[in-house]
Amino acid sequence: MLSRTITAAAALAAAVAVSAAVCRYRAVHRVLARERVQHRLMDGCLHRDMDELRTRIGAVLARQRAAEAVLGEAGRVVDEALAVHGTNPHDPNDPFDPYQEGGPV
């Protein structure tokens, strides 16, 4: 009778240990699955945000190139206008500059 009780108690203890191990395994499995989902979600958000950033930077660079083109064209127009009047915009001794010393008054 005593050996039956010990066997039953051992079987019950083994069942409790296996049940606890299965519960722990399932809990760990759920946590790992949740972390995998979070990782995929964050990875997707990172790719989306990087694509958006590249798009915004591309638009800003395009506007900057357009502005540089306009300024370059404006500089050429000013240079041509000054060339028509016979002045060199890069010459520090412009004889037609009224604000320079020795120029016409």
PDB file of N, CA and C in Angstrom:
ATOM      1  N   MET A   1       0.814  -1.180   0.000  1.00  0.00           N
ATOM      2  CA  MET A   1       0.000   0.000   0.000  1.00  0.00           C
ATOM      3  C   MET A   1       0.868   1.257   0.000  1.00  0.00           C
ATOM      4  N   LEU A   2       1.938   1.225   0.782  1.00  0.00           N
ATOM      5  CA  LEU A   2       2.839   2.367   0.851  1.00  0.00           C
ATOM      6  C   LEU A   2       3.541   2.579  -0.485  1.00  0.00           C
ATOM      7  N   SER A   3       3.920   1.539  -1.159  1.00  0.00           N
ATOM      8  CA  SER A   3       4.610   1.695  -2.436  1.00  0.00           C
ATOM      9  C   SER A   3       3.658   2.250  -3.492  1.00  0.00           C
ATOM     10  N   ARG A   4       2.361   1.892  -3.380  1.00  0.00           N
ATOM     11  CA  ARG A   4       1.367   2.460  -4.295  1.00  0.00           C
ATOM     12  C   ARG A   4       1.212   3.953  -4.070  1.00  0.00           C
ATOM     13  N   THR A   5       1.224   4.369  -2.838  1.00  0.00           N
ATOM     14  CA  THR A   5       1.102   5.783  -2.502  1.00  0.00           C
ATOM     15  C   THR A   5       2.319   6.541  -2.992  1.00  0.00           C
ATOM     16  N   ILE A   6       3.483   5.943  -2.792  1.00  0.00           N
ATOM     17  CA  ILE A   6       4.716   6.595  -3.253  1.00  0.00           C
ATOM     18  C   ILE A   6       4.727   6.687  -4.777  1.00  0.00           C
ATOM     19  N   THR A   7       4.292   5.628  -5.429  1.00  0.00           N
ATOM     20  CA  THR A   7       4.236   5.617  -6.901  1.00  0.00           C
ATOM     21  C   THR A   7       3.240   6.656  -7.393  1.00  0.00           C
ATOM     22  N   ALA A   8       2.082   6.729  -6.745  1.00  0.00           N
ATOM     23  CA  ALA A   8       1.073   7.713  -7.141  1.00  0.00           C
ATOM     24  C   ALA A   8       1.587   9.131  -6.899  1.00  0.00           C
ATOM     25  N   ALA A   9       2.262   9.334  -5.772  1.00  0.00           N
ATOM     26  CA  ALA A   9       2.815  10.661  -5.482  1.00  0.00           C
ATOM     27  C   ALA A   9       3.910  11.017  -6.477  1.00  0.00           C
ATOM     28  N   ALA A  10       4.732  10.051  -6.831  1.00  0.00           N
ATOM     29  CA  ALA A  10       5.790  10.296  -7.820  1.00  0.00           C
ATOM     30  C   ALA A  10       5.186  10.599  -9.179  1.00  0.00           C
ATOM     31  N   ALA A  11       4.139   9.856  -9.560  1.00  0.00           N
ATOM     32  CA  ALA A  11       3.464  10.100 -10.839  1.00  0.00           C
ATOM     33  C   ALA A  11       2.821  11.483 -10.850  1.00  0.00           C
ATOM     34  N   LEU A  12       2.190  11.839  -9.726  1.00  0.00           N
ATOM     35  CA  LEU A  12       1.581  13.175  -9.623  1.00  0.00           C
ATOM     36  C   LEU A  12       2.641  14.265  -9.692  1.00  0.00           C
ATOM     37  N   ALA A  13       3.765  14.084  -9.011  1.00  0.00           N
ATOM     38  CA  ALA A  13       4.845  15.073  -9.051  1.00  0.00           C
ATOM     39  C   ALA A  13       5.421  15.181 -10.456  1.00  0.00           C
ATOM     40  N   ALA A  14       5.559  14.047 -11.135  1.00  0.00           N
ATOM     41  CA  ALA A  14       6.063  14.072 -12.510  1.00  0.00           C
ATOM     42  C   ALA A  14       5.072  14.784 -13.427  1.00  0.00           C
ATOM     43  N   ALA A  15       3.767  14.514 -13.218  1.00  0.00           N
ATOM     44  CA  ALA A  15       2.743  15.178 -14.041  1.00  0.00           C
ATOM     45  C   ALA A  15       2.753  16.682 -13.810  1.00  0.00           C
ATOM     46  N   VAL A  16       2.914  17.095 -12.563  1.00  0.00           N
ATOM     47  CA  VAL A  16       2.975  18.532 -12.249  1.00  0.00           C
ATOM     48  C   VAL A  16       4.220  19.151 -12.880  1.00  0.00           C
ATOM     49  N   ALA A  17       5.347  18.465 -12.808  1.00  0.00           N
ATOM     50  CA  ALA A  17       6.594  18.984 -13.385  1.00  0.00           C
ATOM     51  C   ALA A  17       6.481  19.094 -14.904  1.00  0.00           C
ATOM     52  N   VAL A  18       5.907  18.070 -15.543  1.00  0.00           N
ATOM     53  CA  VAL A  18       5.735  18.114 -17.004  1.00  0.00           C
ATOM     54  C   VAL A  18       4.763  19.219 -17.383  1.00  0.00           C
ATOM     55  N   SER A  19       3.682  19.352 -16.635  1.00  0.00           N
ATOM     56  CA  SER A  19       2.701  20.400 -16.905  1.00  0.00           C
ATOM     57  C   SER A  19       3.331  21.779 -16.755  1.00  0.00           C
ATOM     58  N   ALA A  20       4.114  21.962 -15.712  1.00  0.00           N
ATOM     59  CA  ALA A  20       4.786  23.255 -15.512  1.00  0.00           C
ATOM     60  C   ALA A  20       5.781  23.521 -16.634  1.00  0.00           C
ATOM     61  N   ALA A  21       6.498  22.480 -17.060  1.00  0.00           N
ATOM     62  CA  ALA A  21       7.461  22.652 -18.155  1.00  0.00           C
ATOM     63  C   ALA A  21       6.748  22.998 -19.457  1.00  0.00           C
ATOM     64  N   VAL A  22       5.621  22.355 -19.726  1.00  0.00           N
ATOM     65  CA  VAL A  22       4.853  22.644 -20.942  1.00  0.00           C
ATOM     66  C   VAL A  22       4.317  24.074 -20.893  1.00  0.00           C
ATOM     67  N   CYS A  23       3.796  24.478 -19.753  1.00  0.00           N
ATOM     68  CA  CYS A  23       3.291  25.865 -19.614  1.00  0.00           C
ATOM     69  C   CYS A  23       4.417  26.871 -19.820  1.00  0.00           C
ATOM     70  N   ARG A  24       5.570  26.590 -19.228  1.00  0.00           N
ATOM     71  CA  ARG A  24       6.712  27.494 -19.378  1.00  0.00           C
ATOM     72  C   ARG A  24       7.178  27.546 -20.842  1.00  0.00           C
ATOM     73  N   TYR A  25       7.208  26.373 -21.507  1.00  0.00           N
ATOM     74  CA  TYR A  25       7.610  26.321 -22.913  1.00  0.00           C
ATOM     75  C   TYR A  25       6.649  27.136 -23.769  1.00  0.00           C
ATOM     76  N   ARG A  26       5.354  26.984 -23.521  1.00  0.00           N
ATOM     77  CA  ARG A  26       4.367  27.742 -24.306  1.00  0.00           C
ATOM     78  C   ARG A  26       4.479  29.244 -24.044  1.00  0.00           C
ATOM     79  N   ALA A  27       4.734  29.624 -22.799  1.00  0.00           N
ATOM     80  CA  ALA A  27       4.891  31.051 -22.479  1.00  0.00           C
ATOM     81  C   ALA A  27       6.127  31.616 -23.188  1.00  0.00           C
ATOM     82  N   VAL A  28       7.224  30.871 -23.142  1.00  0.00           N
ATOM     83  CA  VAL A  28       8.443  31.328 -23.822  1.00  0.00           C
ATOM     84  C   VAL A  28       8.206  31.390 -25.326  1.00  0.00           C
ATOM     85  N   HIS A  29       7.510  30.408 -25.858  1.00  0.00           N
ATOM     86  CA  HIS A  29       7.206  30.383 -27.293  1.00  0.00           C
ATOM     87  C   HIS A  29       6.358  31.594 -27.685  1.00  0.00           C
ATOM     88  N   ARG A  30       5.367  31.941 -26.871  1.00  0.00           N
ATOM     89  CA  ARG A  30       4.531  33.118 -27.160  1.00  0.00           C
ATOM     90  C   ARG A  30       5.361  34.399 -27.121  1.00  0.00           C
ATOM     91  N   VAL A  31       6.244  34.515 -26.134  1.00  0.00           N
ATOM     92  CA  VAL A  31       7.092  35.708 -26.018  1.00  0.00           C
ATOM     93  C   VAL A  31       8.004  35.823 -27.236  1.00  0.00           C
ATOM     94  N   LEU A  32       8.609  34.716 -27.634  1.00  0.00           N
ATOM     95  CA  LEU A  32       9.489  34.751 -28.803  1.00  0.00           C
ATOM     96  C   LEU A  32       8.720  35.075 -30.086  1.00  0.00           C
ATOM     97  N   ALA A  33       7.533  34.514 -30.223  1.00  0.00           N
ATOM     98  CA  ALA A  33       6.708  34.819 -31.395  1.00  0.00           C
ATOM     99  C   ALA A  33       6.331  36.298 -31.413  1.00  0.00           C
ATOM    100  N   ARG A  34       5.978  36.848 -30.256  1.00  0.00           N
ATOM    101  CA  ARG A  34       5.630  38.260 -30.160  1.00  0.00           C
ATOM    102  C   ARG A  34       6.834  39.135 -30.520  1.00  0.00           C
ATOM    103  N   GLU A  35       8.018  38.753 -30.055  1.00  0.00           N
ATOM    104  CA  GLU A  35       9.216  39.531 -30.372  1.00  0.00           C
ATOM    105  C   GLU A  35       9.557  39.443 -31.861  1.00  0.00           C
ATOM    106  N   ARG A  36       9.340  38.279 -32.480  1.00  0.00           N
ATOM    107  CA  ARG A  36       9.572  38.165 -33.924  1.00  0.00           C
ATOM    108  C   ARG A  36       8.627  39.078 -34.693  1.00  0.00           C
ATOM    109  N   VAL A  37       7.370  39.122 -34.275  1.00  0.00           N
ATOM    110  CA  VAL A  37       6.395  39.999 -34.930  1.00  0.00           C
ATOM    111  C   VAL A  37       6.803  41.462 -34.756  1.00  0.00           C
ATOM    112  N   GLN A  38       7.201  41.826 -33.544  1.00  0.00           N
ATOM    113  CA  GLN A  38       7.625  43.208 -33.299  1.00  0.00           C
ATOM    114  C   GLN A  38       8.846  43.555 -34.141  1.00  0.00           C
ATOM    115  N   HIS A  39       9.776  42.623 -34.272  1.00  0.00           N
ATOM    116  CA  HIS A  39      10.976  42.865 -35.071  1.00  0.00           C
ATOM    117  C   HIS A  39      10.606  43.081 -36.541  1.00  0.00           C
ATOM    118  N   ARG A  40       9.726  42.240 -37.079  1.00  0.00           N
ATOM    119  CA  ARG A  40       9.299  42.414 -38.475  1.00  0.00           C
ATOM    120  C   ARG A  40       8.570  43.733 -38.661  1.00  0.00           C
ATOM    121  N   LEU A  41       7.741  44.100 -37.696  1.00  0.00           N
ATOM    122  CA  LEU A  41       7.015  45.362 -37.780  1.00  0.00           C
ATOM    123  C   LEU A  41       7.969  46.559 -37.746  1.00  0.00           C
ATOM    124  N   MET A  42       8.926  46.526 -36.826  1.00  0.00           N
ATOM    125  CA  MET A  42       9.897  47.625 -36.734  1.00  0.00           C
ATOM    126  C   MET A  42      10.773  47.681 -37.978  1.00  0.00           C
ATOM    127  N   ASP A  43      11.146  46.518 -38.516  1.00  0.00           N
ATOM    128  CA  ASP A  43      11.956  46.475 -39.733  1.00  0.00           C
ATOM    129  C   ASP A  43      11.179  47.085 -40.897  1.00  0.00           C
ATOM    130  N   GLY A  44       9.889  46.760 -40.990  1.00  0.00           N
ATOM    131  CA  GLY A  44       9.047  47.346 -42.038  1.00  0.00           C
ATOM    132  C   GLY A  44       8.918  48.852 -41.872  1.00  0.00           C
ATOM    133  N   CYS A  45       8.760  49.306 -40.637  1.00  0.00           N
ATOM    134  CA  CYS A  45       8.672  50.751 -40.379  1.00  0.00           C
ATOM    135  C   CYS A  45       9.974  51.445 -40.725  1.00  0.00           C
ATOM    136  N   LEU A  46      11.089  50.808 -40.424  1.00  0.00           N
ATOM    137  CA  LEU A  46      12.387  51.387 -40.755  1.00  0.00           C
ATOM    138  C   LEU A  46      12.538  51.545 -42.262  1.00  0.00           C
ATOM    139  N   HIS A  47      12.183  50.523 -43.030  1.00  0.00           N
ATOM    140  CA  HIS A  47      12.283  50.608 -44.485  1.00  0.00           C
ATOM    141  C   HIS A  47      11.343  51.686 -45.029  1.00  0.00           C
ATOM    142  N   ARG A  48      10.132  51.753 -44.495  1.00  0.00           N
ATOM    143  CA  ARG A  48       9.183  52.773 -44.944  1.00  0.00           C
ATOM    144  C   ARG A  48       9.712  54.177 -44.645  1.00  0.00           C
ATOM    145  N   ASP A  49      10.235  54.379 -43.424  1.00  0.00           N
ATOM    146  CA  ASP A  49      10.750  55.689 -43.042  1.00  0.00           C
ATOM    147  C   ASP A  49      11.977  56.070 -43.861  1.00  0.00           C
ATOM    148  N   MET A  50      12.846  55.099 -44.146  1.00  0.00           N
ATOM    149  CA  MET A  50      14.034  55.397 -44.954  1.00  0.00           C
ATOM    150  C   MET A  50      13.640  55.752 -46.389  1.00  0.00           C
ATOM    151  N   ASP A  51      12.646  55.062 -46.954  1.00  0.00           N
ATOM    152  CA  ASP A  51      12.170  55.406 -48.291  1.00  0.00           C
ATOM    153  C   ASP A  51      11.584  56.815 -48.308  1.00  0.00           C
ATOM    154  N   GLU A  52      10.824  57.160 -47.278  1.00  0.00           N
ATOM    155  CA  GLU A  52      10.246  58.511 -47.178  1.00  0.00           C
ATOM    156  C   GLU A  52      11.347  59.550 -47.052  1.00  0.00           C
ATOM    157  N   LEU A  53      12.364  59.270 -46.240  1.00  0.00           N
ATOM    158  CA  LEU A  53      13.481  60.201 -46.083  1.00  0.00           C
ATOM    159  C   LEU A  53      14.221  60.385 -47.402  1.00  0.00           C
ATOM    160  N   ARG A  54      14.473  59.286 -48.124  1.00  0.00           N
ATOM    161  CA  ARG A  54      15.146  59.399 -49.434  1.00  0.00           C
ATOM    162  C   ARG A  54      14.309  60.233 -50.394  1.00  0.00           C
ATOM    163  N   THR A  55      12.999  60.048 -50.374  1.00  0.00           N
ATOM    164  CA  THR A  55      12.116  60.823 -51.248  1.00  0.00           C
ATOM    165  C   THR A  55      12.185  62.308 -50.904  1.00  0.00           C
ATOM    166  N   ARG A  56      12.131  62.628 -49.616  1.00  0.00           N
ATOM    167  CA  ARG A  56      12.195  64.038 -49.201  1.00  0.00           C
ATOM    168  C   ARG A  56      13.540  64.668 -49.540  1.00  0.00           C
ATOM    169  N   ILE A  57      14.614  63.927 -49.304  1.00  0.00           N
ATOM    170  CA  ILE A  57      15.947  64.459 -49.613  1.00  0.00           C
ATOM    171  C   ILE A  57      16.082  64.663 -51.118  1.00  0.00           C
ATOM    172  N   GLY A  58      15.564  63.732 -51.911  1.00  0.00           N
ATOM    173  CA  GLY A  58      15.596  63.884 -53.367  1.00  0.00           C
ATOM    174  C   GLY A  58      14.852  65.124 -53.822  1.00  0.00           C
ATOM    175  N   ALA A  59      13.693  65.384 -53.218  1.00  0.00           N
ATOM    176  CA  ALA A  59      12.916  66.584 -53.584  1.00  0.00           C
ATOM    177  C   ALA A  59      13.668  67.852 -53.204  1.00  0.00           C
ATOM    178  N   VAL A  60      14.284  67.865 -52.026  1.00  0.00           N
ATOM    179  CA  VAL A  60      15.039  69.047 -51.591  1.00  0.00           C
ATOM    180  C   VAL A  60      16.238  69.275 -52.513  1.00  0.00           C
ATOM    181  N   LEU A  61      16.935  68.209 -52.864  1.00  0.00           N
ATOM    182  CA  LEU A  61      18.084  68.357 -53.759  1.00  0.00           C
ATOM    183  C   LEU A  61      17.654  68.827 -55.142  1.00  0.00           C
ATOM    184  N   ALA A  62      16.509  68.360 -55.616  1.00  0.00           N
ATOM    185  CA  ALA A  62      16.005  68.819 -56.917  1.00  0.00           C
ATOM    186  C   ALA A  62      15.680  70.310 -56.871  1.00  0.00           C
ATOM    187  N   ARG A  63      15.053  70.758 -55.777  1.00  0.00           N
ATOM    188  CA  ARG A  63      14.761  72.199 -55.655  1.00  0.00           C
ATOM    189  C   ARG A  63      16.053  73.001 -55.573  1.00  0.00           C
ATOM    190  N   GLN A  64      17.041  72.464 -54.872  1.00  0.00           N
ATOM    191  CA  GLN A  64      18.318  73.171 -54.749  1.00  0.00           C
ATOM    192  C   GLN A  64      19.010  73.253 -56.112  1.00  0.00           C
ATOM    193  N   ARG A  65      18.993  72.161 -56.886  1.00  0.00           N
ATOM    194  CA  ARG A  65      19.600  72.201 -58.218  1.00  0.00           C
ATOM    195  C   ARG A  65      18.875  73.198 -59.110  1.00  0.00           C
ATOM    196  N   ALA A  66      17.543  73.263 -58.987  1.00  0.00           N
ATOM    197  CA  ALA A  66      16.777  74.222 -59.789  1.00  0.00           C
ATOM    198  C   ALA A  66      17.143  75.652 -59.397  1.00  0.00           C
ATOM    199  N   ALA A  67      17.275  75.905 -58.107  1.00  0.00           N
ATOM    200  CA  ALA A  67      17.648  77.246 -57.648  1.00  0.00           C
ATOM    201  C   ALA A  67      19.053  77.596 -58.116  1.00  0.00           C
ATOM    202  N   GLU A  68      19.976  76.637 -58.070  1.00  0.00           N
ATOM    203  CA  GLU A  68      21.333  76.898 -58.543  1.00  0.00           C
ATOM    204  C   GLU A  68      21.340  77.182 -60.033  1.00  0.00           C
ATOM    205  N   ALA A  69      20.484  76.483 -60.790  1.00  0.00           N
ATOM    206  CA  ALA A  69      20.397  76.736 -62.226  1.00  0.00           C
ATOM    207  C   ALA A  69      19.876  78.142 -62.494  1.00  0.00           C
ATOM    208  N   VAL A  70      18.870  78.560 -61.725  1.00  0.00           N
ATOM    209  CA  VAL A  70      18.320  79.917 -61.899  1.00  0.00           C
ATOM    210  C   VAL A  70      19.375  80.960 -61.548  1.00  0.00           C
ATOM    211  N   LEU A  71      20.095  80.756 -60.447  1.00  0.00           N
ATOM    212  CA  LEU A  71      21.137  81.714 -60.064  1.00  0.00           C
ATOM    213  C   LEU A  71      22.265  81.744 -61.093  1.00  0.00           C
ATOM    214  N   GLY A  72      22.616  80.590 -61.628  1.00  0.00           N
ATOM    215  CA  GLY A  72      23.648  80.553 -62.665  1.00  0.00           C
ATOM    216  C   GLY A  72      23.221  81.305 -63.905  1.00  0.00           C
ATOM    217  N   GLU A  73      21.975  81.117 -64.310  1.00  0.00           N
ATOM    218  CA  GLU A  73      21.459  81.839 -65.478  1.00  0.00           C
ATOM    219  C   GLU A  73      21.393  83.333 -65.194  1.00  0.00           C
ATOM    220  N   ALA A  74      20.990  83.714 -64.000  1.00  0.00           N
ATOM    221  CA  ALA A  74      20.960  85.139 -63.645  1.00  0.00           C
ATOM    222  C   ALA A  74      22.365  85.727 -63.682  1.00  0.00           C
ATOM    223  N   GLY A  75      23.353  84.979 -63.212  1.00  0.00           N
ATOM    224  CA  GLY A  75      24.728  85.455 -63.273  1.00  0.00           C
ATOM    225  C   GLY A  75      25.197  85.634 -64.704  1.00  0.00           C
ATOM    226  N   ARG A  76      24.822  84.714 -65.587  1.00  0.00           N
ATOM    227  CA  ARG A  76      25.197  84.871 -67.004  1.00  0.00           C
ATOM    228  C   ARG A  76      24.526  86.090 -67.617  1.00  0.00           C
ATOM    229  N   VAL A  77      23.258  86.333 -67.271  1.00  0.00           N
ATOM    230  CA  VAL A  77      22.555  87.506 -67.811  1.00  0.00           C
ATOM    231  C   VAL A  77      23.236  88.787 -67.346  1.00  0.00           C
ATOM    232  N   VAL A  78      23.598  88.845 -66.054  1.00  0.00           N
ATOM    233  CA  VAL A  78      24.275  90.034 -65.525  1.00  0.00           C
ATOM    234  C   VAL A  78      25.633  90.211 -66.202  1.00  0.00           C
ATOM    235  N   ASP A  79      26.386  89.136 -66.389  1.00  0.00           N
ATOM    236  CA  ASP A  79      27.677  89.221 -67.066  1.00  0.00           C
ATOM    237  C   ASP A  79      27.518  89.716 -68.500  1.00  0.00           C
ATOM    238  N   GLU A  80      26.495  89.218 -69.196  1.00  0.00           N
ATOM    239  CA  GLU A  80      26.263  89.679 -70.568  1.00  0.00           C
ATOM    240  C   GLU A  80      25.883  91.156 -70.591  1.00  0.00           C
ATOM    241  N   ALA A  81      25.051  91.578 -69.639  1.00  0.00           N
ATOM    242  CA  ALA A  81      24.654  92.985 -69.589  1.00  0.00           C
ATOM    243  C   ALA A  81      25.850  93.874 -69.296  1.00  0.00           C
ATOM    244  N   LEU A  82      26.717  93.440 -68.419  1.00  0.00           N
ATOM    245  CA  LEU A  82      27.911  94.224 -68.120  1.00  0.00           C
ATOM    246  C   LEU A  82      28.877  94.218 -69.303  1.00  0.00           C
ATOM    247  N   ALA A  83      28.928  93.118 -70.030  1.00  0.00           N
ATOM    248  CA  ALA A  83      29.807  93.056 -71.204  1.00  0.00           C
ATOM    249  C   ALA A  83      29.332  94.011 -72.288  1.00  0.00           C
ATOM    250  N   VAL A  84      28.011  94.162 -72.410  1.00  0.00           N
ATOM    251  CA  VAL A  84      27.474  95.096 -73.400  1.00  0.00           C
ATOM    252  C   VAL A  84      27.938  96.513 -73.089  1.00  0.00           C
ATOM    253  N   HIS A  85      28.043  96.849 -71.822  1.00  0.00           N
ATOM    254  CA  HIS A  85      28.450  98.196 -71.423  1.00  0.00           C
ATOM    255  C   HIS A  85      29.967  98.329 -71.327  1.00  0.00           C
ATOM    256  N   GLY A  86      30.680  97.298 -71.658  1.00  0.00           N
ATOM    257  CA  GLY A  86      32.134  97.376 -71.704  1.00  0.00           C
ATOM    258  C   GLY A  86      32.801  97.353 -70.347  1.00  0.00           C
ATOM    259  N   THR A  87      32.156  96.795 -69.359  1.00  0.00           N
ATOM    260  CA  THR A  87      32.794  96.720 -68.045  1.00  0.00           C
ATOM    261  C   THR A  87      33.065  95.269 -67.703  1.00  0.00           C
ATOM    262  N   ASN A  88      34.094  95.070 -66.945  1.00  0.00           N
ATOM    263  CA  ASN A  88      34.430  93.738 -66.471  1.00  0.00           C
ATOM    264  C   ASN A  88      33.963  93.647 -65.018  1.00  0.00           C
ATOM    265  N   PRO A  89      33.030  92.758 -64.717  1.00  0.00           N
ATOM    266  CA  PRO A  89      32.511  92.706 -63.345  1.00  0.00           C
ATOM    267  C   PRO A  89      33.556  92.243 -62.337  1.00  0.00           C
ATOM    268  N   HIS A  90      34.648  91.675 -62.825  1.00  0.00           N
ATOM    269  CA  HIS A  90      35.674  91.172 -61.917  1.00  0.00           C
ATOM    270  C   HIS A  90      36.863  92.132 -61.828  1.00  0.00           C
ATOM    271  N   ASP A  91      36.783  93.260 -62.498  1.00  0.00           N
ATOM    272  CA  ASP A  91      37.875  94.240 -62.484  1.00  0.00           C
ATOM    273  C   ASP A  91      37.666  95.204 -61.316  1.00  0.00           C
ATOM    274  N   PRO A  92      38.622  95.277 -60.380  1.00  0.00           N
ATOM    275  CA  PRO A  92      38.436  96.181 -59.240  1.00  0.00           C
ATOM    276  C   PRO A  92      38.582  97.661 -59.633  1.00  0.00           C
ATOM    277  N   ASN A  93      39.164  97.953 -60.754  1.00  0.00           N
ATOM    278  CA  ASN A  93      39.348  99.345 -61.195  1.00  0.00           C
ATOM    279  C   ASN A  93      38.379  99.646 -62.329  1.00  0.00           C
ATOM    280  N   ASP A  94      37.119  99.766 -62.017  1.00  0.00           N
ATOM    281  CA  ASP A  94      36.096 100.065 -63.019  1.00  0.00           C
ATOM    282  C   ASP A  94      36.037 101.573 -63.222  1.00  0.00           C
ATOM    283  N   PRO A  95      36.351 102.050 -64.428  1.00  0.00           N
ATOM    284  CA  PRO A  95      36.345 103.516 -64.648  1.00  0.00           C
ATOM    285  C   PRO A  95      34.952 104.114 -64.615  1.00  0.00           C
ATOM    286  N   PHE A  96      33.907 103.297 -64.731  1.00  0.00           N
ATOM    287  CA  PHE A  96      32.547 103.832 -64.748  1.00  0.00           C
ATOM    288  C   PHE A  96      31.851 103.703 -63.401  1.00  0.00           C
ATOM    289  N   ASP A  97      32.570 103.274 -62.390  1.00  0.00           N
ATOM    290  CA  ASP A  97      31.992 103.127 -61.060  1.00  0.00           C
ATOM    291  C   ASP A  97      31.984 104.481 -60.371  1.00  0.00           C
ATOM    292  N   PRO A  98      30.809 105.100 -60.147  1.00  0.00           N
ATOM    293  CA  PRO A  98      30.762 106.438 -59.554  1.00  0.00           C
ATOM    294  C   PRO A  98      31.174 106.452 -58.082  1.00  0.00           C
ATOM    295  N   TYR A  99      31.196 105.301 -57.428  1.00  0.00           N
ATOM    296  CA  TYR A  99      31.522 105.259 -56.013  1.00  0.00           C
ATOM    297  C   TYR A  99      32.991 104.938 -55.778  1.00  0.00           C
ATOM    298  N   GLN A 100      33.738 104.727 -56.844  1.00  0.00           N
ATOM    299  CA  GLN A 100      35.159 104.435 -56.696  1.00  0.00           C
ATOM    300  C   GLN A 100      35.940 105.750 -56.768  1.00  0.00           C
ATOM    301  N   GLU A 101      37.000 105.855 -56.025  1.00  0.00           N
ATOM    302  CA  GLU A 101      37.800 107.084 -56.037  1.00  0.00           C
ATOM    303  C   GLU A 101      38.400 107.298 -57.424  1.00  0.00           C
ATOM    304  N   GLY A 102      38.335 108.504 -57.875  1.00  0.00           N
ATOM    305  CA  GLY A 102      38.912 108.843 -59.176  1.00  0.00           C
ATOM    306  C   GLY A 102      37.961 108.618 -60.332  1.00  0.00           C
ATOM    307  N   GLY A 103      36.760 108.108 -60.049  1.00  0.00           N
ATOM    308  CA  GLY A 103      35.775 107.879 -61.109  1.00  0.00           C
ATOM    309  C   GLY A 103      35.043 109.176 -61.434  1.00  0.00           C
ATOM    310  N   PRO A 104      34.269 109.157 -62.531  1.00  0.00           N
ATOM    311  CA  PRO A 104      33.510 110.379 -62.892  1.00  0.00           C
ATOM    312  C   PRO A 104      32.484 110.715 -61.806  1.00  0.00           C
ATOM    313  N   VAL A 105      32.276 111.987 -61.627  1.00  0.00           N
ATOM    314  CA  VAL A 105      31.371 112.436 -60.583  1.00  0.00           C
ATOM    315  C   VAL A 105      30.054 112.885 -61.152  1.00  0.00           C
TER     316      VAL A 105
END
